[in-house]
Amino acid sequence: MIQFEVTVTVEGGLHARPAALLVNRSAQSQAKITLSKGDKQADGRSILGIMTLGVTQGDKLIVSVEGEDEEKVASSLKQFFEQSFESE
């Protein structure tokens, strides 16, 4: 399992559009992806779960990736957060 911390830089936090972009990126993998904010956790493939975390700009998240392609997925997600959720 790979875990890393990211700071959400997108204005407005993880509202519907960035959450959907994140879910689309997560769905490209077989790995289990979990986002954690404080004591709350959400599946990286669930828009509602991600939005329920209530992530705002500047919040820190712990991203956990577990599966056979975890290194590739973790790298992809790190890059995604660094790009501030700009569409590809």
N, C-alpha and C. Protein backbone atom coordinates (compact mmCIF):
# COMPACT_ATOMS: atom_id res chain seq x y z
N MET A 1 0.84 -1.18 0.00
CA MET A 1 0.00 0.00 0.00
C MET A 1 0.88 1.24 0.00
N ILE A 2 0.46 2.23 -0.77
CA ILE A 2 1.16 3.51 -0.83
C ILE A 2 0.23 4.57 -0.26
N GLN A 3 0.77 5.41 0.62
CA GLN A 3 0.01 6.53 1.17
C GLN A 3 0.81 7.80 0.96
N PHE A 4 0.10 8.90 0.64
CA PHE A 4 0.75 10.19 0.52
C PHE A 4 -0.26 11.28 0.86
N GLU A 5 0.28 12.43 1.21
CA GLU A 5 -0.56 13.57 1.57
C GLU A 5 -0.56 14.58 0.44
N VAL A 6 -1.73 15.15 0.17
CA VAL A 6 -1.86 16.21 -0.82
C VAL A 6 -2.61 17.37 -0.19
N THR A 7 -2.33 18.57 -0.70
CA THR A 7 -3.08 19.75 -0.31
C THR A 7 -3.97 20.14 -1.48
N VAL A 8 -5.24 20.31 -1.23
CA VAL A 8 -6.19 20.65 -2.28
C VAL A 8 -6.03 22.13 -2.61
N THR A 9 -5.69 22.41 -3.86
CA THR A 9 -5.43 23.78 -4.28
C THR A 9 -6.54 24.36 -5.15
N VAL A 10 -7.44 23.51 -5.61
CA VAL A 10 -8.50 23.98 -6.50
C VAL A 10 -9.46 24.89 -5.73
N GLU A 11 -9.81 26.01 -6.35
CA GLU A 11 -10.72 26.95 -5.71
C GLU A 11 -12.08 26.29 -5.52
N GLY A 12 -12.62 26.39 -4.34
CA GLY A 12 -13.90 25.77 -4.05
C GLY A 12 -13.80 24.36 -3.51
N GLY A 13 -12.59 23.80 -3.47
CA GLY A 13 -12.40 22.46 -2.92
C GLY A 13 -12.90 21.37 -3.85
N LEU A 14 -13.23 20.22 -3.30
CA LEU A 14 -13.68 19.08 -4.09
C LEU A 14 -15.19 19.10 -4.26
N HIS A 15 -15.68 20.06 -5.03
CA HIS A 15 -17.10 20.11 -5.36
C HIS A 15 -17.34 19.16 -6.53
N ALA A 16 -18.49 19.20 -7.16
CA ALA A 16 -18.90 18.19 -8.13
C ALA A 16 -17.93 17.99 -9.29
N ARG A 17 -17.49 19.06 -9.93
CA ARG A 17 -16.64 18.90 -11.12
C ARG A 17 -15.29 18.26 -10.79
N PRO A 18 -14.53 18.81 -9.83
CA PRO A 18 -13.26 18.15 -9.52
C PRO A 18 -13.43 16.75 -8.95
N ALA A 19 -14.51 16.52 -8.21
CA ALA A 19 -14.75 15.17 -7.69
C ALA A 19 -15.00 14.21 -8.85
N ALA A 20 -15.75 14.64 -9.86
CA ALA A 20 -16.01 13.80 -11.02
C ALA A 20 -14.72 13.51 -11.78
N LEU A 21 -13.87 14.51 -11.93
CA LEU A 21 -12.58 14.31 -12.61
C LEU A 21 -11.72 13.31 -11.84
N LEU A 22 -11.73 13.42 -10.53
CA LEU A 22 -10.97 12.49 -9.70
C LEU A 22 -11.50 11.06 -9.81
N VAL A 23 -12.82 10.91 -9.81
CA VAL A 23 -13.44 9.60 -9.94
C VAL A 23 -13.09 8.99 -11.31
N ASN A 24 -13.12 9.81 -12.36
CA ASN A 24 -12.76 9.31 -13.69
C ASN A 24 -11.33 8.81 -13.72
N ARG A 25 -10.43 9.53 -13.07
CA ARG A 25 -9.03 9.10 -13.01
C ARG A 25 -8.92 7.81 -12.20
N SER A 26 -9.62 7.73 -11.09
CA SER A 26 -9.57 6.55 -10.23
C SER A 26 -10.14 5.32 -10.91
N ALA A 27 -11.16 5.51 -11.73
CA ALA A 27 -11.83 4.38 -12.39
C ALA A 27 -10.95 3.71 -13.44
N GLN A 28 -9.85 4.33 -13.82
CA GLN A 28 -8.95 3.76 -14.82
C GLN A 28 -8.04 2.68 -14.22
N SER A 29 -8.21 2.39 -12.96
CA SER A 29 -7.34 1.45 -12.26
C SER A 29 -8.14 0.39 -11.53
N GLN A 30 -7.49 -0.71 -11.26
CA GLN A 30 -8.09 -1.77 -10.46
C GLN A 30 -7.75 -1.60 -8.97
N ALA A 31 -6.84 -0.68 -8.66
CA ALA A 31 -6.40 -0.48 -7.28
C ALA A 31 -7.52 0.11 -6.43
N LYS A 32 -7.47 -0.19 -5.14
CA LYS A 32 -8.40 0.41 -4.17
C LYS A 32 -7.82 1.76 -3.79
N ILE A 33 -8.63 2.80 -3.93
CA ILE A 33 -8.18 4.17 -3.63
C ILE A 33 -9.09 4.73 -2.54
N THR A 34 -8.46 5.21 -1.48
CA THR A 34 -9.20 5.78 -0.36
C THR A 34 -8.67 7.17 -0.06
N LEU A 35 -9.59 8.12 0.11
CA LEU A 35 -9.23 9.49 0.51
C LEU A 35 -9.64 9.67 1.96
N SER A 36 -8.76 10.27 2.76
CA SER A 36 -9.06 10.48 4.17
C SER A 36 -8.86 11.95 4.52
N LYS A 37 -9.83 12.50 5.25
CA LYS A 37 -9.72 13.86 5.80
C LYS A 37 -10.12 13.74 7.25
N GLY A 38 -9.14 13.91 8.14
CA GLY A 38 -9.42 13.71 9.56
C GLY A 38 -9.84 12.28 9.80
N ASP A 39 -11.00 12.10 10.44
CA ASP A 39 -11.48 10.74 10.72
C ASP A 39 -12.47 10.23 9.67
N LYS A 40 -12.69 11.02 8.61
CA LYS A 40 -13.60 10.61 7.54
C LYS A 40 -12.82 9.98 6.39
N GLN A 41 -13.42 8.96 5.78
CA GLN A 41 -12.81 8.30 4.63
C GLN A 41 -13.83 8.18 3.51
N ALA A 42 -13.32 8.15 2.26
CA ALA A 42 -14.19 7.97 1.11
C ALA A 42 -13.50 7.14 0.06
N ASP A 43 -14.29 6.37 -0.66
CA ASP A 43 -13.81 5.59 -1.79
C ASP A 43 -13.48 6.56 -2.93
N GLY A 44 -12.32 6.40 -3.53
CA GLY A 44 -11.90 7.27 -4.63
C GLY A 44 -12.72 7.13 -5.89
N ARG A 45 -13.64 6.17 -5.92
CA ARG A 45 -14.51 5.97 -7.07
C ARG A 45 -15.94 6.47 -6.81
N SER A 46 -16.16 7.13 -5.71
CA SER A 46 -17.50 7.57 -5.33
C SER A 46 -17.58 9.09 -5.27
N ILE A 47 -18.30 9.68 -6.22
CA ILE A 47 -18.45 11.14 -6.21
C ILE A 47 -19.11 11.59 -4.91
N LEU A 48 -20.20 10.91 -4.53
CA LEU A 48 -20.89 11.30 -3.30
C LEU A 48 -20.00 11.15 -2.07
N GLY A 49 -19.24 10.06 -2.03
CA GLY A 49 -18.33 9.86 -0.91
C GLY A 49 -17.29 10.97 -0.81
N ILE A 50 -16.72 11.33 -1.95
CA ILE A 50 -15.71 12.39 -1.97
C ILE A 50 -16.32 13.72 -1.54
N MET A 51 -17.50 14.03 -2.08
CA MET A 51 -18.15 15.29 -1.73
C MET A 51 -18.56 15.32 -0.25
N THR A 52 -18.88 14.17 0.33
CA THR A 52 -19.26 14.08 1.74
C THR A 52 -18.11 14.44 2.66
N LEU A 53 -16.88 14.30 2.18
CA LEU A 53 -15.72 14.67 3.01
C LEU A 53 -15.70 16.17 3.31
N GLY A 54 -16.36 16.97 2.48
CA GLY A 54 -16.39 18.41 2.71
C GLY A 54 -15.04 19.07 2.54
N VAL A 55 -14.30 18.67 1.52
CA VAL A 55 -12.94 19.18 1.31
C VAL A 55 -12.99 20.58 0.69
N THR A 56 -12.31 21.51 1.34
CA THR A 56 -12.23 22.88 0.83
C THR A 56 -10.79 23.19 0.43
N GLN A 57 -10.63 24.29 -0.28
CA GLN A 57 -9.30 24.71 -0.72
C GLN A 57 -8.38 24.86 0.49
N GLY A 58 -7.19 24.27 0.40
CA GLY A 58 -6.22 24.33 1.47
C GLY A 58 -6.24 23.13 2.40
N ASP A 59 -7.29 22.31 2.31
CA ASP A 59 -7.35 21.11 3.15
C ASP A 59 -6.31 20.10 2.72
N LYS A 60 -5.86 19.31 3.67
CA LYS A 60 -4.92 18.23 3.39
C LYS A 60 -5.67 16.90 3.41
N LEU A 61 -5.36 16.07 2.44
CA LEU A 61 -5.95 14.73 2.34
C LEU A 61 -4.85 13.69 2.38
N ILE A 62 -5.16 12.55 2.94
CA ILE A 62 -4.29 11.38 2.85
C ILE A 62 -4.91 10.48 1.77
N VAL A 63 -4.11 10.17 0.76
CA VAL A 63 -4.55 9.29 -0.32
C VAL A 63 -3.87 7.94 -0.12
N SER A 64 -4.65 6.88 -0.08
CA SER A 64 -4.13 5.51 0.05
C SER A 64 -4.46 4.75 -1.22
N VAL A 65 -3.46 4.07 -1.76
CA VAL A 65 -3.64 3.28 -2.98
C VAL A 65 -3.13 1.87 -2.70
N GLU A 66 -3.97 0.87 -2.98
CA GLU A 66 -3.57 -0.51 -2.74
C GLU A 66 -4.01 -1.37 -3.91
N GLY A 67 -3.06 -2.10 -4.49
CA GLY A 67 -3.38 -2.99 -5.59
C GLY A 67 -2.13 -3.25 -6.43
N GLU A 68 -2.28 -4.09 -7.44
CA GLU A 68 -1.11 -4.49 -8.20
C GLU A 68 -0.49 -3.36 -9.00
N ASP A 69 -1.27 -2.35 -9.38
CA ASP A 69 -0.72 -1.21 -10.13
C ASP A 69 -0.63 0.05 -9.26
N GLU A 70 -0.44 -0.15 -7.96
CA GLU A 70 -0.50 0.97 -7.01
C GLU A 70 0.54 2.06 -7.28
N GLU A 71 1.74 1.70 -7.71
CA GLU A 71 2.77 2.71 -7.95
C GLU A 71 2.36 3.63 -9.11
N LYS A 72 1.87 3.03 -10.18
CA LYS A 72 1.42 3.81 -11.34
C LYS A 72 0.24 4.71 -10.96
N VAL A 73 -0.70 4.15 -10.22
CA VAL A 73 -1.89 4.90 -9.82
C VAL A 73 -1.52 6.03 -8.88
N ALA A 74 -0.67 5.77 -7.90
CA ALA A 74 -0.25 6.81 -6.95
C ALA A 74 0.43 7.95 -7.70
N SER A 75 1.28 7.64 -8.64
CA SER A 75 1.97 8.66 -9.43
C SER A 75 0.97 9.49 -10.23
N SER A 76 0.01 8.82 -10.83
CA SER A 76 -1.02 9.50 -11.61
C SER A 76 -1.87 10.44 -10.74
N LEU A 77 -2.23 9.97 -9.55
CA LEU A 77 -3.05 10.80 -8.65
C LEU A 77 -2.26 11.99 -8.10
N LYS A 78 -0.99 11.77 -7.78
CA LYS A 78 -0.15 12.90 -7.32
C LYS A 78 -0.10 13.98 -8.39
N GLN A 79 0.13 13.55 -9.62
CA GLN A 79 0.19 14.50 -10.73
C GLN A 79 -1.15 15.22 -10.89
N PHE A 80 -2.23 14.48 -10.74
CA PHE A 80 -3.57 15.05 -10.86
C PHE A 80 -3.80 16.15 -9.84
N PHE A 81 -3.44 15.90 -8.58
CA PHE A 81 -3.62 16.92 -7.54
C PHE A 81 -2.70 18.12 -7.78
N GLU A 82 -1.51 17.88 -8.28
CA GLU A 82 -0.58 18.98 -8.56
C GLU A 82 -1.08 19.87 -9.68
N GLN A 83 -1.88 19.34 -10.58
CA GLN A 83 -2.41 20.11 -11.70
C GLN A 83 -3.68 20.88 -11.34
N SER A 84 -4.06 20.83 -10.08
CA SER A 84 -5.25 21.54 -9.59
C SER A 84 -6.51 21.18 -10.34
N PHE A 85 -6.62 19.91 -10.75
CA PHE A 85 -7.83 19.38 -11.37
C PHE A 85 -8.16 20.00 -12.71
N GLU A 86 -7.18 20.49 -13.43
CA GLU A 86 -7.44 20.97 -14.77
C GLU A 86 -7.79 19.77 -15.64
N SER A 87 -8.75 19.92 -16.52
CA SER A 87 -9.11 18.79 -17.39
C SER A 87 -7.98 18.51 -18.36
N GLU A 88 -7.87 17.25 -18.74
CA GLU A 88 -6.78 16.84 -19.60
C GLU A 88 -7.09 17.09 -21.04
